[in-house]
């Protein structure tokens, strides 16, 4: 069996802001479908033919009542999603030009480069560029990912 992530489903406070973040990171992402859910909440699927993110916008009452998620705070939940990209430096430049800020110092492992950004809601996103087709080198954790 060969597994791959087909999609992830996220509830967001501001659908348009999340769409802007994702299309800045991934200019090739297009809106595949959109509509209204059972409770009249907006939703959309954004991505490519192979993978996408399903985004559901919460209603105002739920958004105000919801606890703000803080990644890496030790509570159960999602810390970040990691995406493999062809060019981490170009992605970083696009994100910074659009007003997004790095959430960590960029790091340089001999076989992978990772950059992280927070979206407008505070979620952390990881973008990884690998420089080897050898899984043993790409997944080498004996060397630190330090700048």
N, C-alpha and C. Protein backbone atom coordinates (compact mmCIF):
# COMPACT_ATOMS: atom_id res chain seq x y z
N UNK A 1 0.84 -1.19 0.00
CA UNK A 1 0.00 0.00 0.00
C UNK A 1 0.89 1.25 0.00
N UNK A 2 0.55 2.21 -0.82
CA UNK A 2 1.29 3.46 -0.89
C UNK A 2 0.37 4.57 -0.41
N UNK A 3 0.70 5.21 0.71
CA UNK A 3 -0.16 6.24 1.28
C UNK A 3 0.38 7.63 0.96
N UNK A 4 -0.51 8.57 0.76
CA UNK A 4 -0.15 9.98 0.62
C UNK A 4 -1.32 10.79 1.17
N UNK A 5 -1.03 11.96 1.66
CA UNK A 5 -2.08 12.83 2.18
C UNK A 5 -2.81 13.47 1.00
N UNK A 6 -4.09 13.16 0.87
CA UNK A 6 -4.89 13.71 -0.21
C UNK A 6 -5.37 15.11 0.14
N UNK A 7 -5.82 15.30 1.39
CA UNK A 7 -6.24 16.63 1.83
C UNK A 7 -6.25 16.71 3.35
N UNK A 8 -6.25 17.92 3.84
CA UNK A 8 -6.45 18.20 5.26
C UNK A 8 -7.63 19.16 5.34
N UNK A 9 -8.41 19.05 6.41
CA UNK A 9 -9.60 19.87 6.59
C UNK A 9 -9.40 20.77 7.80
N UNK A 10 -9.45 22.09 7.58
CA UNK A 10 -9.19 23.05 8.64
C UNK A 10 -10.39 23.98 8.83
N UNK A 11 -10.69 24.31 10.06
CA UNK A 11 -11.67 25.35 10.37
C UNK A 11 -10.88 26.62 10.65
N UNK A 12 -11.24 27.70 9.97
CA UNK A 12 -10.51 28.95 10.08
C UNK A 12 -11.46 30.08 10.45
N UNK A 13 -10.88 31.13 11.04
CA UNK A 13 -11.68 32.29 11.40
C UNK A 13 -12.00 33.15 10.17
N UNK A 14 -10.99 33.37 9.30
CA UNK A 14 -11.16 34.23 8.13
C UNK A 14 -10.71 33.48 6.88
N UNK A 15 -11.67 33.01 6.15
CA UNK A 15 -11.40 32.19 4.97
C UNK A 15 -10.57 32.93 3.92
N UNK A 16 -10.91 34.19 3.65
CA UNK A 16 -10.18 34.93 2.62
C UNK A 16 -8.73 35.17 3.01
N UNK A 17 -8.47 35.43 4.29
CA UNK A 17 -7.09 35.64 4.75
C UNK A 17 -6.28 34.35 4.63
N UNK A 18 -6.89 33.22 4.96
CA UNK A 18 -6.19 31.94 4.84
C UNK A 18 -5.94 31.61 3.38
N UNK A 19 -6.89 31.90 2.52
CA UNK A 19 -6.70 31.66 1.09
C UNK A 19 -5.54 32.50 0.57
N UNK A 20 -5.45 33.74 0.98
CA UNK A 20 -4.34 34.62 0.55
C UNK A 20 -3.00 34.05 1.00
N UNK A 21 -2.92 33.61 2.26
CA UNK A 21 -1.69 33.01 2.79
C UNK A 21 -1.27 31.81 1.94
N UNK A 22 -2.21 30.92 1.69
CA UNK A 22 -1.89 29.69 0.96
C UNK A 22 -1.51 29.96 -0.49
N UNK A 23 -2.20 30.88 -1.14
CA UNK A 23 -1.86 31.15 -2.53
C UNK A 23 -0.59 31.98 -2.65
N UNK A 24 -0.18 32.65 -1.58
CA UNK A 24 1.13 33.30 -1.58
C UNK A 24 2.22 32.24 -1.47
N UNK A 25 2.03 31.29 -0.57
CA UNK A 25 3.00 30.21 -0.42
C UNK A 25 3.03 29.32 -1.66
N UNK A 26 1.87 29.05 -2.21
CA UNK A 26 1.73 28.12 -3.34
C UNK A 26 0.98 28.79 -4.48
N UNK A 27 1.65 29.57 -5.32
CA UNK A 27 0.95 30.26 -6.41
C UNK A 27 0.19 29.31 -7.34
N UNK A 28 0.57 28.05 -7.36
CA UNK A 28 -0.10 27.08 -8.23
C UNK A 28 -1.43 26.59 -7.65
N UNK A 29 -1.72 26.89 -6.38
CA UNK A 29 -2.98 26.46 -5.77
C UNK A 29 -4.14 27.26 -6.36
N UNK A 30 -5.17 26.54 -6.74
CA UNK A 30 -6.40 27.15 -7.26
C UNK A 30 -7.57 26.69 -6.39
N UNK A 31 -8.63 27.48 -6.40
CA UNK A 31 -9.85 27.09 -5.71
C UNK A 31 -10.54 26.04 -6.57
N UNK A 32 -10.64 24.83 -6.03
CA UNK A 32 -11.22 23.71 -6.78
C UNK A 32 -12.74 23.69 -6.66
N UNK A 33 -13.25 24.14 -5.51
CA UNK A 33 -14.70 24.17 -5.28
C UNK A 33 -14.95 25.06 -4.08
N UNK A 34 -16.15 25.62 -3.99
CA UNK A 34 -16.53 26.42 -2.84
C UNK A 34 -18.03 26.45 -2.72
N UNK A 35 -18.50 26.79 -1.53
CA UNK A 35 -19.94 26.85 -1.32
C UNK A 35 -20.28 27.20 0.11
N UNK A 36 -21.52 26.85 0.48
CA UNK A 36 -22.02 27.09 1.84
C UNK A 36 -22.34 25.74 2.46
N UNK A 37 -21.99 25.60 3.75
CA UNK A 37 -22.27 24.37 4.48
C UNK A 37 -23.67 24.34 5.05
N UNK A 38 -23.95 23.33 5.84
CA UNK A 38 -25.28 23.14 6.43
C UNK A 38 -25.72 24.31 7.31
N UNK A 39 -24.77 24.97 7.96
CA UNK A 39 -25.08 26.09 8.84
C UNK A 39 -24.73 27.42 8.16
N UNK A 40 -24.73 27.41 6.84
CA UNK A 40 -24.45 28.58 6.00
C UNK A 40 -23.03 29.11 6.16
N UNK A 41 -22.11 28.29 6.66
CA UNK A 41 -20.72 28.71 6.75
C UNK A 41 -20.05 28.50 5.39
N UNK A 42 -19.16 29.43 5.04
CA UNK A 42 -18.43 29.32 3.78
C UNK A 42 -17.38 28.21 3.88
N UNK A 43 -17.15 27.55 2.79
CA UNK A 43 -16.08 26.56 2.69
C UNK A 43 -15.49 26.64 1.29
N UNK A 44 -14.24 26.16 1.18
CA UNK A 44 -13.64 26.02 -0.13
C UNK A 44 -12.53 24.99 -0.07
N UNK A 45 -12.22 24.44 -1.22
CA UNK A 45 -11.10 23.52 -1.39
C UNK A 45 -10.09 24.23 -2.27
N UNK A 46 -8.85 24.34 -1.79
CA UNK A 46 -7.80 25.01 -2.54
C UNK A 46 -6.59 24.08 -2.64
N UNK A 47 -6.05 23.96 -3.83
CA UNK A 47 -4.88 23.10 -4.01
C UNK A 47 -4.63 22.81 -5.47
N UNK A 48 -4.13 21.61 -5.71
CA UNK A 48 -3.81 21.15 -7.06
C UNK A 48 -4.70 19.95 -7.38
N UNK A 49 -4.47 19.33 -8.52
CA UNK A 49 -5.23 18.14 -8.87
C UNK A 49 -4.91 16.97 -7.93
N UNK A 50 -3.72 17.00 -7.31
CA UNK A 50 -3.27 15.87 -6.49
C UNK A 50 -3.57 16.05 -5.00
N UNK A 51 -3.57 17.27 -4.52
CA UNK A 51 -3.72 17.50 -3.08
C UNK A 51 -4.39 18.84 -2.85
N UNK A 52 -5.07 18.97 -1.71
CA UNK A 52 -5.73 20.24 -1.43
C UNK A 52 -5.96 20.40 0.07
N UNK A 53 -6.33 21.61 0.43
CA UNK A 53 -6.76 21.91 1.78
C UNK A 53 -8.23 22.28 1.73
N UNK A 54 -9.03 21.65 2.58
CA UNK A 54 -10.44 21.99 2.72
C UNK A 54 -10.52 23.01 3.85
N UNK A 55 -11.00 24.19 3.54
CA UNK A 55 -11.10 25.27 4.53
C UNK A 55 -12.56 25.54 4.81
N UNK A 56 -12.89 25.58 6.09
CA UNK A 56 -14.25 25.87 6.53
C UNK A 56 -14.19 27.09 7.44
N UNK A 57 -14.99 28.10 7.14
CA UNK A 57 -14.99 29.32 7.95
C UNK A 57 -15.99 29.17 9.09
N UNK A 58 -15.51 29.40 10.31
CA UNK A 58 -16.40 29.33 11.47
C UNK A 58 -17.29 30.55 11.49
N UNK A 59 -18.42 30.45 12.18
CA UNK A 59 -19.27 31.63 12.28
C UNK A 59 -18.71 32.58 13.35
N UNK A 60 -19.18 33.81 13.35
CA UNK A 60 -18.63 34.84 14.24
C UNK A 60 -18.72 34.45 15.71
N UNK A 61 -19.82 33.86 16.12
CA UNK A 61 -19.99 33.48 17.53
C UNK A 61 -18.96 32.43 17.93
N UNK A 62 -18.76 31.44 17.08
CA UNK A 62 -17.77 30.40 17.38
C UNK A 62 -16.36 30.97 17.38
N UNK A 63 -16.09 31.89 16.45
CA UNK A 63 -14.75 32.49 16.36
C UNK A 63 -14.44 33.27 17.62
N UNK A 64 -15.39 34.02 18.13
CA UNK A 64 -15.17 34.80 19.35
C UNK A 64 -15.03 33.91 20.57
N UNK A 65 -15.77 32.81 20.62
CA UNK A 65 -15.75 31.93 21.78
C UNK A 65 -14.56 30.98 21.78
N UNK A 66 -13.97 30.76 20.61
CA UNK A 66 -12.89 29.78 20.50
C UNK A 66 -11.62 30.29 21.16
N UNK A 67 -10.95 29.39 21.85
CA UNK A 67 -9.65 29.69 22.43
C UNK A 67 -8.64 29.85 21.30
N UNK A 68 -7.79 30.85 21.41
CA UNK A 68 -6.76 31.05 20.40
C UNK A 68 -5.74 29.92 20.53
N UNK A 69 -5.49 29.24 19.42
CA UNK A 69 -4.54 28.13 19.43
C UNK A 69 -3.12 28.66 19.44
N UNK A 70 -2.32 28.09 20.32
CA UNK A 70 -0.91 28.44 20.40
C UNK A 70 -0.10 27.19 20.09
N UNK A 71 0.57 27.15 18.92
CA UNK A 71 1.36 25.97 18.58
C UNK A 71 2.47 25.72 19.59
N UNK A 72 2.80 24.47 19.79
CA UNK A 72 3.92 24.03 20.63
C UNK A 72 3.72 24.37 22.11
N UNK A 73 2.48 24.61 22.53
CA UNK A 73 2.21 24.95 23.93
C UNK A 73 1.99 23.71 24.78
N UNK A 74 2.10 22.54 24.19
CA UNK A 74 1.96 21.30 24.95
C UNK A 74 0.55 20.78 25.05
N UNK A 75 -0.41 21.48 24.45
CA UNK A 75 -1.80 21.01 24.46
C UNK A 75 -2.04 20.14 23.24
N UNK A 76 -2.95 19.18 23.34
CA UNK A 76 -3.26 18.36 22.17
C UNK A 76 -3.75 19.23 21.01
N UNK A 77 -3.32 18.90 19.83
CA UNK A 77 -3.73 19.64 18.65
C UNK A 77 -2.62 19.64 17.62
N UNK A 78 -2.82 20.37 16.57
CA UNK A 78 -1.88 20.39 15.45
C UNK A 78 -0.86 21.50 15.64
N UNK A 79 0.42 21.17 15.68
CA UNK A 79 1.46 22.18 15.80
C UNK A 79 1.72 22.86 14.46
N UNK A 80 1.88 22.09 13.40
CA UNK A 80 2.06 22.67 12.07
C UNK A 80 1.84 21.60 11.01
N UNK A 81 1.64 22.08 9.79
CA UNK A 81 1.65 21.21 8.62
C UNK A 81 2.94 21.49 7.88
N UNK A 82 3.57 20.45 7.36
CA UNK A 82 4.82 20.61 6.62
C UNK A 82 4.63 20.24 5.17
N UNK A 83 5.08 21.12 4.29
CA UNK A 83 4.96 20.90 2.85
C UNK A 83 6.34 20.87 2.22
N UNK A 84 6.57 19.91 1.33
CA UNK A 84 7.81 19.90 0.56
C UNK A 84 7.67 20.88 -0.60
N UNK A 85 8.69 21.71 -0.79
CA UNK A 85 8.68 22.72 -1.85
C UNK A 85 9.96 22.62 -2.66
N UNK A 86 9.93 23.15 -3.86
CA UNK A 86 11.11 23.13 -4.74
C UNK A 86 12.14 24.17 -4.34
N UNK A 87 11.70 25.32 -3.83
CA UNK A 87 12.62 26.43 -3.58
C UNK A 87 12.20 27.18 -2.32
N UNK A 88 12.77 26.82 -1.19
CA UNK A 88 12.42 27.44 0.10
C UNK A 88 12.77 28.92 0.13
N UNK A 89 13.88 29.30 -0.50
CA UNK A 89 14.28 30.71 -0.51
C UNK A 89 13.28 31.57 -1.29
N UNK A 90 12.81 31.09 -2.43
CA UNK A 90 11.83 31.84 -3.22
C UNK A 90 10.51 31.94 -2.47
N UNK A 91 10.10 30.86 -1.81
CA UNK A 91 8.88 30.89 -1.01
C UNK A 91 9.02 31.92 0.12
N UNK A 92 10.15 31.89 0.79
CA UNK A 92 10.40 32.83 1.89
C UNK A 92 10.31 34.27 1.38
N UNK A 93 10.88 34.54 0.24
CA UNK A 93 10.84 35.90 -0.33
C UNK A 93 9.40 36.32 -0.64
N UNK A 94 8.61 35.42 -1.26
CA UNK A 94 7.21 35.72 -1.56
C UNK A 94 6.43 36.04 -0.29
N UNK A 95 6.64 35.21 0.74
CA UNK A 95 5.90 35.39 1.99
C UNK A 95 6.26 36.71 2.65
N UNK A 96 7.54 37.01 2.70
CA UNK A 96 7.98 38.26 3.33
C UNK A 96 7.48 39.48 2.54
N UNK A 97 7.53 39.40 1.22
CA UNK A 97 7.02 40.51 0.40
C UNK A 97 5.52 40.73 0.62
N UNK A 98 4.79 39.68 0.94
CA UNK A 98 3.35 39.78 1.19
C UNK A 98 3.04 40.19 2.63
N UNK A 99 4.09 40.39 3.45
CA UNK A 99 3.87 40.86 4.82
C UNK A 99 3.85 39.79 5.88
N UNK A 100 4.13 38.55 5.54
CA UNK A 100 4.18 37.48 6.53
C UNK A 100 5.58 37.44 7.13
N UNK A 101 5.65 36.96 8.37
CA UNK A 101 6.92 36.93 9.09
C UNK A 101 7.34 35.50 9.39
N UNK A 102 8.65 35.26 9.28
CA UNK A 102 9.20 33.96 9.65
C UNK A 102 8.86 33.68 11.11
N UNK A 103 8.45 32.45 11.40
CA UNK A 103 8.17 32.09 12.79
C UNK A 103 9.38 31.45 13.45
N UNK A 104 10.39 31.10 12.68
CA UNK A 104 11.64 30.59 13.23
C UNK A 104 12.78 31.10 12.36
N UNK A 105 13.97 30.93 12.84
CA UNK A 105 15.15 31.27 12.05
C UNK A 105 15.30 30.21 10.97
N UNK A 106 15.49 30.60 9.70
CA UNK A 106 15.70 29.58 8.66
C UNK A 106 16.90 28.71 9.03
N UNK A 107 16.80 27.45 8.70
CA UNK A 107 17.89 26.54 9.06
C UNK A 107 18.43 25.86 7.82
N UNK A 108 19.63 25.38 7.95
CA UNK A 108 20.30 24.75 6.81
C UNK A 108 20.93 23.44 7.23
N UNK A 109 20.28 22.38 6.92
CA UNK A 109 20.79 21.03 7.09
C UNK A 109 21.49 20.69 5.77
N UNK A 110 22.48 19.84 5.77
CA UNK A 110 23.16 19.54 4.50
C UNK A 110 22.23 19.02 3.40
N UNK A 111 21.09 18.42 3.78
CA UNK A 111 20.22 17.80 2.78
C UNK A 111 18.78 18.31 2.80
N UNK A 112 18.51 19.34 3.60
CA UNK A 112 17.17 19.94 3.60
C UNK A 112 17.25 21.36 4.16
N UNK A 113 16.38 22.20 3.64
CA UNK A 113 16.27 23.57 4.12
C UNK A 113 14.81 23.76 4.53
N UNK A 114 14.61 24.32 5.72
CA UNK A 114 13.25 24.50 6.21
C UNK A 114 13.02 25.96 6.59
N UNK A 115 11.85 26.48 6.21
CA UNK A 115 11.42 27.80 6.65
C UNK A 115 10.01 27.64 7.23
N UNK A 116 9.69 28.49 8.17
CA UNK A 116 8.39 28.43 8.85
C UNK A 116 7.76 29.82 8.83
N UNK A 117 6.44 29.85 8.68
CA UNK A 117 5.69 31.10 8.72
C UNK A 117 4.40 30.91 9.48
N UNK A 118 4.00 31.96 10.20
CA UNK A 118 2.68 32.00 10.83
C UNK A 118 1.70 32.63 9.86
N UNK A 119 0.50 32.08 9.81
CA UNK A 119 -0.56 32.74 9.04
C UNK A 119 -1.20 33.82 9.92
N UNK A 120 -2.21 34.48 9.43
CA UNK A 120 -2.85 35.58 10.16
C UNK A 120 -3.54 35.12 11.43
N UNK A 121 -3.85 33.83 11.54
CA UNK A 121 -4.53 33.30 12.72
C UNK A 121 -3.56 32.72 13.74
N UNK A 122 -2.27 32.72 13.42
CA UNK A 122 -1.27 32.22 14.35
C UNK A 122 -0.85 30.79 14.15
N UNK A 123 -1.40 30.10 13.13
CA UNK A 123 -0.97 28.73 12.84
C UNK A 123 0.43 28.77 12.24
N UNK A 124 1.20 27.78 12.56
CA UNK A 124 2.56 27.68 12.04
C UNK A 124 2.55 26.73 10.84
N UNK A 125 3.31 27.08 9.80
CA UNK A 125 3.42 26.28 8.59
C UNK A 125 4.89 26.06 8.29
N UNK A 126 5.25 24.83 7.97
CA UNK A 126 6.63 24.48 7.64
C UNK A 126 6.74 24.19 6.15
N UNK A 127 7.83 24.69 5.54
CA UNK A 127 8.09 24.47 4.13
C UNK A 127 9.51 23.91 4.01
N UNK A 128 9.64 22.73 3.41
CA UNK A 128 10.91 22.00 3.38
C UNK A 128 11.37 21.81 1.94
N UNK A 129 12.61 22.18 1.69
CA UNK A 129 13.26 21.91 0.40
C UNK A 129 14.32 20.85 0.65
N UNK A 130 14.25 19.74 -0.08
CA UNK A 130 15.25 18.69 0.08
C UNK A 130 16.23 18.76 -1.08
N UNK A 131 17.48 18.33 -0.81
CA UNK A 131 18.51 18.40 -1.85
C UNK A 131 19.07 17.02 -2.20
N UNK A 132 18.39 15.98 -1.76
CA UNK A 132 18.85 14.63 -2.06
C UNK A 132 17.65 13.73 -2.31
N UNK A 133 17.81 12.80 -3.23
CA UNK A 133 16.78 11.80 -3.46
C UNK A 133 16.94 10.60 -2.52
N UNK A 134 18.03 10.57 -1.79
CA UNK A 134 18.32 9.47 -0.88
C UNK A 134 17.55 9.68 0.43
N UNK A 135 16.57 8.83 0.75
CA UNK A 135 15.81 9.01 1.98
C UNK A 135 16.68 9.01 3.24
N UNK A 136 17.76 8.25 3.24
CA UNK A 136 18.64 8.22 4.42
C UNK A 136 19.25 9.60 4.68
N UNK A 137 19.57 10.33 3.63
CA UNK A 137 20.14 11.67 3.79
C UNK A 137 19.06 12.69 4.11
N UNK A 138 17.91 12.61 3.41
CA UNK A 138 16.81 13.55 3.67
C UNK A 138 16.30 13.44 5.10
N UNK A 139 16.31 12.22 5.63
CA UNK A 139 15.75 11.97 6.96
C UNK A 139 16.83 11.81 8.03
N UNK A 140 17.99 12.36 7.80
CA UNK A 140 19.09 12.29 8.76
C UNK A 140 18.83 13.29 9.88
N UNK A 141 18.61 12.78 11.08
CA UNK A 141 18.35 13.65 12.23
C UNK A 141 19.54 13.70 13.18
N UNK A 142 20.68 13.15 12.74
CA UNK A 142 21.86 13.20 13.61
C UNK A 142 22.54 14.56 13.54
N UNK A 143 22.27 15.33 12.45
CA UNK A 143 22.85 16.65 12.30
C UNK A 143 21.78 17.69 12.62
N UNK A 144 22.12 18.72 13.34
CA UNK A 144 21.11 19.72 13.70
C UNK A 144 20.72 20.56 12.49
N UNK A 145 19.49 21.08 12.52
CA UNK A 145 19.00 21.99 11.50
C UNK A 145 19.24 23.42 11.95
N UNK A 146 20.47 23.77 12.19
CA UNK A 146 20.80 25.10 12.70
C UNK A 146 21.23 26.03 11.57
N UNK A 147 21.03 27.34 11.77
CA UNK A 147 21.45 28.28 10.74
C UNK A 147 22.96 28.28 10.56
